[in-house]
Amino acid sequence: MRIRRRLPIPLAVLLIVAAVALIVTLRKQAPPEAARLLPGADGFFYINLEWVRKFNATSQLPPISREAEYQKFVEETGFQFERDLDKAAFAIHYPESWGNGSAGPVTEPRFSEIFVGKIDSGRLTTYLKKLSSSIEDYRGFDIYNIPFEGRTVRVVILSYDSVAVSNHPNPDVIRGILDRSRKLASPFGGPRLLRNFYRRVPLASLSFAILRVTPEMSSLGGLSSWSFLFPKPAVAVISARYIRALHLRAEAFANSEDDAHAITEKAAAFLNLFHAAEGSVGAQGTDADVKTFFDSLKVEQSGERAILTATVPPGFIKKILTEAPPVTPAPAPESPAAKRPQKPRSR
């Protein structure tokens, strides 16, 4: 009888341990909380700058130069993005013309953002009040409506360390973010596109992007290459991990193996152009960082996926981001009179 009475205790302990393990596993597979607050969209981008700093991944990057408008923002709010921003999540809303995008009948993409970091809410509130044309009271929170370049940017302070921003035409988008922030965070939450493809993001990625790609995206100048690589709709998952170097991985999820093969072939054609550029660089001199980057570029197909991988050494990143030194003007040619040696003066 004593044995039977004691059996439920170990069983209960095992059930608790199993439940905790399940919760931890679900948490690892769930998108970051900041990203789960975002609305439904056509693309998502996330970066964890807190871990980037811990990994010292920015130690070799050049210092950031501040423009006058950003300098004023820093002075009035005390917030420096390069120092105080820990995490950022972006939702990208395509125009309706881009394959029935979520932004409605607009001509350019719209964005919704979540910023997490060290925020002085008092100073930020004062700054937002100065910029706002109106302030909406929504469930006890102030939504600041700021006119900017013919559209309205809506800002709300969610908590002591997080802020939401959106320039989507529909004001319900920012209200939905605020509603989700008030609920208990769930590993099953978040937009559908983000939930479905986040499992494809490699573990310990510092940054990732999940994008719905459509041929219609080429309607905006500078994006014509999208229609070349993706003649049919697909989903691209791009990630970055820093392990002594920046490891990039891009996967295109097509609707069939034939579509994935077409993407792979076209990406390989682009790689041939890169290798040709490597040859021209090698003719002038060999750079170890550049060579490492070019040698690491690989593209392959796996079923309905086209996969591109690359390794970017820190030195190569620095070369890309460092500004070119200012051009020193050539000295003006001296006049014949200046070239003549002058006689020493008599004392």
Protein backbone atom coordinates (compact mmCIF):
# COMPACT_ATOMS: atom_id res chain seq x y z
CA MET A 1 0.00 0.00 0.00
CA ARG A 2 2.86 2.40 0.80
CA ILE A 3 4.41 1.76 -2.63
CA ARG A 4 1.11 2.53 -4.36
CA ARG A 5 0.75 5.78 -2.42
CA ARG A 6 4.25 6.90 -3.32
CA LEU A 7 3.93 6.20 -7.06
CA PRO A 8 1.87 9.33 -7.87
CA ILE A 9 4.62 11.61 -6.51
CA PRO A 10 7.39 10.52 -8.95
CA LEU A 11 4.80 10.43 -11.71
CA ALA A 12 3.77 14.01 -10.96
CA VAL A 13 7.42 15.09 -10.93
CA LEU A 14 7.98 13.44 -14.33
CA LEU A 15 4.90 15.15 -15.74
CA ILE A 16 6.11 18.54 -14.49
CA VAL A 17 9.59 18.00 -15.97
CA ALA A 18 8.05 16.92 -19.27
CA ALA A 19 5.80 20.00 -19.33
CA VAL A 20 8.75 22.32 -18.63
CA ALA A 21 10.81 20.63 -21.36
CA LEU A 22 7.91 21.02 -23.81
CA ILE A 23 7.56 24.73 -22.98
CA VAL A 24 11.31 25.29 -23.41
CA THR A 25 11.27 23.47 -26.76
CA LEU A 26 8.31 25.50 -27.99
CA ARG A 27 10.01 28.70 -26.87
CA LYS A 28 13.12 27.83 -28.86
CA GLN A 29 11.06 27.17 -31.97
CA ALA A 30 8.90 30.27 -31.53
CA PRO A 31 9.83 33.58 -33.18
CA PRO A 32 11.28 36.27 -30.86
CA GLU A 33 8.66 38.06 -28.80
CA ALA A 34 9.22 41.41 -30.52
CA ALA A 35 8.52 39.77 -33.90
CA ARG A 36 5.39 38.04 -32.56
CA LEU A 37 3.87 41.44 -31.80
CA LEU A 38 4.00 42.42 -35.47
CA PRO A 39 0.89 42.39 -37.67
CA GLY A 40 0.33 40.14 -40.65
CA ALA A 41 2.55 41.26 -43.52
CA ASP A 42 4.39 40.15 -46.65
CA GLY A 43 7.87 40.15 -45.15
CA PHE A 44 9.65 40.26 -41.80
CA PHE A 45 13.09 41.30 -40.62
CA TYR A 46 14.61 40.87 -37.15
CA ILE A 47 17.97 41.71 -35.61
CA ASN A 48 19.31 41.14 -32.10
CA LEU A 49 21.88 43.88 -31.57
CA GLU A 50 22.32 42.91 -27.92
CA TRP A 51 23.88 39.60 -28.95
CA VAL A 52 25.79 41.29 -31.77
CA ARG A 53 27.52 43.44 -29.16
CA LYS A 54 28.15 40.47 -26.87
CA PHE A 55 29.81 38.60 -29.71
CA ASN A 56 31.88 41.73 -30.42
CA ALA A 57 30.77 41.48 -34.05
CA THR A 58 30.93 45.24 -34.56
CA SER A 59 34.40 45.85 -33.16
CA GLN A 60 35.94 46.31 -36.59
CA LEU A 61 33.20 48.46 -38.06
CA PRO A 62 33.86 52.15 -38.71
CA PRO A 63 32.24 54.75 -36.42
CA ILE A 64 28.77 55.97 -37.36
CA SER A 65 28.52 59.55 -38.57
CA ARG A 66 25.41 61.41 -37.41
CA GLU A 67 23.36 63.66 -39.61
CA ALA A 68 21.90 66.83 -38.16
CA GLU A 69 18.37 65.40 -37.81
CA TYR A 70 19.60 62.27 -36.02
CA GLN A 71 21.89 64.33 -33.78
CA LYS A 72 18.88 66.41 -32.72
CA PHE A 73 16.92 63.22 -31.96
CA VAL A 74 19.78 61.94 -29.76
CA GLU A 75 20.06 65.24 -27.90
CA GLU A 76 16.33 65.44 -27.14
CA THR A 77 15.63 61.78 -26.31
CA GLY A 78 19.02 60.57 -25.07
CA PHE A 79 18.58 57.46 -27.23
CA GLN A 80 21.38 56.30 -29.53
CA PHE A 81 20.45 53.44 -31.84
CA GLU A 82 24.02 52.17 -32.06
CA ARG A 83 24.31 52.06 -28.26
CA ASP A 84 20.81 51.65 -26.77
CA LEU A 85 18.86 49.58 -29.29
CA ASP A 86 18.85 45.90 -28.26
CA LYS A 87 16.32 44.32 -30.64
CA ALA A 88 14.33 45.44 -33.66
CA ALA A 89 11.57 43.69 -35.62
CA PHE A 90 10.07 44.93 -38.88
CA ALA A 91 6.96 43.94 -40.82
CA ILE A 92 7.02 44.84 -44.52
CA HIS A 93 3.69 45.58 -46.17
CA TYR A 94 3.81 45.31 -49.97
CA PRO A 95 1.60 47.48 -52.17
CA GLU A 96 -1.55 45.77 -53.38
CA SER A 97 -0.10 45.69 -56.90
CA TRP A 98 2.72 43.39 -55.68
CA GLY A 99 0.70 40.19 -55.76
CA ASN A 100 -2.13 41.39 -53.52
CA GLY A 101 0.12 42.97 -50.89
CA SER A 102 -1.11 43.89 -47.41
CA ALA A 103 -0.53 47.68 -47.64
CA GLY A 104 -3.53 48.35 -49.86
CA PRO A 105 -3.63 50.71 -52.87
CA VAL A 106 -0.34 52.52 -52.20
CA THR A 107 2.64 52.95 -54.52
CA GLU A 108 5.45 52.00 -52.10
CA PRO A 109 5.91 49.46 -49.29
CA ARG A 110 4.85 50.43 -45.79
CA PHE A 111 6.41 49.26 -42.53
CA SER A 112 5.49 48.37 -38.94
CA GLU A 113 8.30 48.18 -36.39
CA ILE A 114 9.02 47.13 -32.81
CA PHE A 115 12.07 48.61 -31.07
CA VAL A 116 13.37 47.23 -27.76
CA GLY A 117 16.12 48.92 -25.79
CA LYS A 118 17.10 51.39 -23.10
CA ILE A 119 14.44 54.09 -23.40
CA ASP A 120 13.90 57.26 -21.39
CA SER A 121 10.11 57.30 -21.76
CA GLY A 122 9.78 60.80 -20.30
CA ARG A 123 12.15 62.44 -22.78
CA LEU A 124 10.77 60.38 -25.66
CA THR A 125 7.20 61.40 -24.79
CA THR A 126 8.16 65.08 -24.83
CA TYR A 127 9.86 64.63 -28.20
CA LEU A 128 6.87 62.81 -29.73
CA LYS A 129 4.44 65.47 -28.50
CA LYS A 130 6.43 68.13 -30.32
CA LEU A 131 6.22 66.24 -33.60
CA SER A 132 2.62 65.01 -33.40
CA SER A 133 -0.27 66.64 -35.21
CA SER A 134 -2.69 64.73 -32.94
CA ILE A 135 -2.68 62.18 -30.12
CA GLU A 136 -5.16 59.30 -29.93
CA ASP A 137 -6.09 57.76 -26.59
CA TYR A 138 -6.49 54.03 -27.16
CA ARG A 139 -7.22 51.88 -24.09
CA GLY A 140 -5.21 54.15 -21.84
CA PHE A 141 -2.22 54.49 -24.21
CA ASP A 142 -1.27 57.49 -26.30
CA ILE A 143 -0.80 56.91 -30.03
CA TYR A 144 1.15 59.81 -31.55
CA ASN A 145 0.19 60.69 -35.14
CA ILE A 146 3.19 62.28 -36.86
CA PRO A 147 2.91 63.66 -40.41
CA PHE A 148 5.90 62.70 -42.56
CA GLU A 149 6.33 62.97 -46.33
CA GLY A 150 2.63 62.89 -47.12
CA ARG A 151 1.78 60.00 -44.82
CA THR A 152 1.04 59.46 -41.12
CA VAL A 153 3.56 57.72 -38.88
CA ARG A 154 1.94 56.33 -35.72
CA VAL A 155 4.03 55.76 -32.59
CA VAL A 156 3.08 54.21 -29.24
CA ILE A 157 5.24 53.48 -26.20
CA LEU A 158 4.34 49.88 -25.29
CA SER A 159 6.39 49.57 -22.10
CA TYR A 160 9.46 50.88 -20.32
CA ASP A 161 11.72 49.30 -22.95
CA SER A 162 9.68 48.93 -26.15
CA VAL A 163 8.14 51.20 -28.78
CA ALA A 164 5.92 50.40 -31.78
CA VAL A 165 5.91 52.42 -35.01
CA SER A 166 3.81 52.01 -38.17
CA ASN A 167 3.13 54.03 -41.31
CA HIS A 168 0.49 51.61 -42.59
CA PRO A 169 -2.55 53.57 -43.88
CA ASN A 170 -4.90 51.61 -41.59
CA PRO A 171 -4.74 52.85 -37.95
CA ASP A 172 -5.98 49.44 -36.77
CA VAL A 173 -2.50 48.02 -37.48
CA ILE A 174 -0.83 49.93 -34.62
CA ARG A 175 -3.84 49.26 -32.39
CA GLY A 176 -3.48 45.54 -33.03
CA ILE A 177 0.18 45.68 -31.99
CA LEU A 178 -0.85 47.39 -28.77
CA ASP A 179 -3.56 44.79 -28.10
CA ARG A 180 -1.11 41.91 -28.59
CA SER A 181 1.42 43.52 -26.26
CA ARG A 182 -1.15 43.47 -23.46
CA LYS A 183 -1.72 39.72 -23.72
CA LEU A 184 0.39 36.93 -22.27
CA ALA A 185 3.15 36.08 -24.75
CA SER A 186 2.50 32.75 -26.46
CA PRO A 187 4.96 30.66 -28.50
CA PHE A 188 2.06 29.95 -30.87
CA GLY A 189 1.45 33.65 -31.54
CA GLY A 190 2.67 35.82 -34.36
CA PRO A 191 1.79 36.34 -38.03
CA ARG A 192 1.20 33.21 -40.11
CA LEU A 193 4.07 33.73 -42.58
CA LEU A 194 6.48 34.26 -39.70
CA ARG A 195 5.26 31.19 -37.78
CA ASN A 196 5.37 28.92 -40.82
CA PHE A 197 8.95 29.72 -41.84
CA TYR A 198 10.74 30.70 -38.64
CA ARG A 199 11.59 27.02 -38.05
CA ARG A 200 13.82 27.34 -41.13
CA VAL A 201 15.97 29.99 -39.44
CA PRO A 202 19.22 28.40 -38.12
CA LEU A 203 19.72 28.30 -34.37
CA ALA A 204 21.57 31.28 -32.81
CA SER A 205 20.95 33.55 -35.79
CA LEU A 206 21.57 37.19 -34.91
CA SER A 207 19.37 38.40 -37.73
CA PHE A 208 16.88 36.93 -40.18
CA ALA A 209 14.46 37.96 -42.90
CA ILE A 210 11.42 36.09 -44.19
CA LEU A 211 10.10 37.55 -47.43
CA ARG A 212 7.30 36.66 -49.78
CA VAL A 213 8.82 37.20 -53.23
CA THR A 214 6.67 37.90 -56.29
CA PRO A 215 7.56 38.84 -59.87
CA GLU A 216 5.49 42.02 -59.45
CA MET A 217 8.13 43.41 -57.09
CA SER A 218 10.15 44.45 -60.16
CA SER A 219 7.68 47.31 -60.71
CA LEU A 220 9.80 49.37 -58.31
CA GLY A 221 13.10 50.57 -59.74
CA GLY A 222 16.16 48.67 -58.54
CA LEU A 223 14.29 45.40 -57.93
CA SER A 224 14.27 44.07 -61.49
CA SER A 225 16.64 41.26 -60.42
CA TRP A 226 13.86 39.77 -58.27
CA SER A 227 11.79 38.99 -61.37
CA PHE A 228 14.88 37.50 -63.03
CA LEU A 229 15.60 35.15 -60.11
CA PHE A 230 11.98 34.47 -59.19
CA PRO A 231 9.77 34.22 -62.29
CA LYS A 232 7.16 32.61 -60.02
CA PRO A 233 6.15 33.39 -56.39
CA ALA A 234 8.36 31.97 -53.64
CA VAL A 235 9.35 32.59 -50.03
CA ALA A 236 12.92 33.58 -49.16
CA VAL A 237 14.43 32.94 -45.72
CA ILE A 238 17.69 34.81 -45.14
CA SER A 239 19.72 34.49 -41.93
CA ALA A 240 23.02 35.62 -40.46
CA ARG A 241 25.08 34.01 -37.70
CA TYR A 242 28.36 35.30 -36.33
CA ILE A 243 30.91 32.61 -35.45
CA ARG A 244 34.30 34.29 -35.88
CA ALA A 245 32.90 35.46 -39.22
CA LEU A 246 29.50 36.35 -40.62
CA HIS A 247 27.80 33.22 -41.98
CA LEU A 248 24.99 34.01 -44.42
CA ARG A 249 22.35 31.56 -45.60
CA ALA A 250 19.51 32.23 -48.02
CA GLU A 251 16.87 29.63 -48.86
CA ALA A 252 14.22 30.07 -51.53
CA PHE A 253 11.15 27.88 -51.01
CA ALA A 254 9.54 27.33 -54.39
CA ASN A 255 6.27 25.65 -55.32
CA SER A 256 7.97 22.77 -57.16
CA GLU A 257 11.36 21.19 -57.77
CA ASP A 258 11.37 22.58 -61.31
CA ASP A 259 10.92 26.12 -59.95
CA ALA A 260 13.69 25.53 -57.40
CA HIS A 261 15.97 24.25 -60.17
CA ALA A 262 15.31 27.38 -62.24
CA ILE A 263 16.16 29.62 -59.27
CA THR A 264 19.33 27.62 -58.59
CA GLU A 265 20.49 27.90 -62.19
CA LYS A 266 19.94 31.65 -62.30
CA ALA A 267 21.65 32.17 -58.93
CA ALA A 268 24.61 30.16 -60.23
CA ALA A 269 24.80 32.51 -63.21
CA PHE A 270 25.07 35.44 -60.80
CA LEU A 271 27.83 33.63 -58.91
CA ASN A 272 29.79 33.27 -62.13
CA LEU A 273 29.71 37.04 -62.42
CA PHE A 274 31.07 37.34 -58.87
CA HIS A 275 33.86 34.92 -59.64
CA ALA A 276 34.67 36.90 -62.75
CA ALA A 277 34.93 39.98 -60.56
CA GLU A 278 37.24 38.00 -58.27
CA GLY A 279 39.49 37.33 -61.24
CA SER A 280 39.72 41.00 -62.09
CA VAL A 281 40.58 41.82 -58.48
CA GLY A 282 43.22 39.09 -58.46
CA ALA A 283 44.86 40.63 -61.49
CA GLN A 284 45.63 43.74 -59.45
CA GLY A 285 46.52 41.98 -56.23
CA THR A 286 45.21 39.26 -53.91
CA ASP A 287 43.18 40.23 -50.86
CA ALA A 288 42.76 37.34 -48.41
CA ASP A 289 39.37 38.57 -47.10
CA VAL A 290 37.96 39.10 -50.57
CA LYS A 291 39.22 35.69 -51.72
CA THR A 292 37.70 33.98 -48.66
CA PHE A 293 34.35 35.57 -49.40
CA PHE A 294 34.30 34.65 -53.09
CA ASP A 295 35.48 31.09 -52.40
CA SER A 296 32.71 30.58 -49.83
CA LEU A 297 29.85 31.48 -52.20
CA LYS A 298 27.93 28.29 -52.97
CA VAL A 299 24.49 27.54 -54.38
CA GLU A 300 22.72 24.17 -54.43
CA GLN A 301 19.27 22.66 -54.76
CA SER A 302 17.53 20.45 -52.22
CA GLY A 303 14.08 19.36 -53.37
CA GLU A 304 11.88 22.44 -53.62
CA ARG A 305 14.57 24.68 -52.09
CA ALA A 306 17.39 26.68 -53.65
CA ILE A 307 20.11 27.35 -51.04
CA LEU A 308 22.84 29.99 -51.16
CA THR A 309 25.55 30.15 -48.47
CA ALA A 310 28.49 32.49 -47.91
CA THR A 311 31.05 33.40 -45.24
CA VAL A 312 31.97 37.05 -44.83
CA PRO A 313 35.22 37.72 -42.90
CA PRO A 314 35.20 40.74 -40.56
CA GLY A 315 37.90 42.38 -42.66
CA PHE A 316 35.72 42.21 -45.76
CA ILE A 317 32.80 43.83 -43.90
CA LYS A 318 35.09 46.64 -42.81
CA LYS A 319 36.28 47.19 -46.37
CA ILE A 320 32.70 47.48 -47.60
CA LEU A 321 31.51 49.88 -44.90
CA THR A 322 34.59 52.05 -44.54
CA GLU A 323 34.25 55.22 -46.51
CA ALA A 324 36.78 55.89 -49.20
CA PRO A 325 39.43 58.41 -48.12
CA PRO A 326 38.83 61.94 -49.35
CA VAL A 327 40.48 62.74 -52.64
CA THR A 328 43.35 65.15 -52.15
CA PRO A 329 43.44 67.73 -54.95
CA ALA A 330 46.59 67.68 -57.01
CA PRO A 331 48.87 70.65 -56.33
CA ALA A 332 48.68 73.40 -58.90
CA PRO A 333 51.67 73.53 -61.26
CA GLU A 334 54.23 76.06 -60.23
CA SER A 335 54.89 79.05 -62.43
CA PRO A 336 58.29 79.39 -64.09
CA ALA A 337 59.05 82.29 -61.75
CA ALA A 338 58.40 80.13 -58.71
CA LYS A 339 60.69 77.44 -60.04
CA ARG A 340 63.67 79.78 -60.30
CA PRO A 341 65.88 79.59 -57.22
CA GLN A 342 65.89 82.78 -55.24
CA LYS A 343 69.10 84.50 -54.26
CA PRO A 344 69.96 84.54 -50.61
CA ARG A 345 69.44 87.90 -48.96
CA SER A 346 72.48 89.79 -47.74
CA ARG A 347 72.51 90.73 -44.13
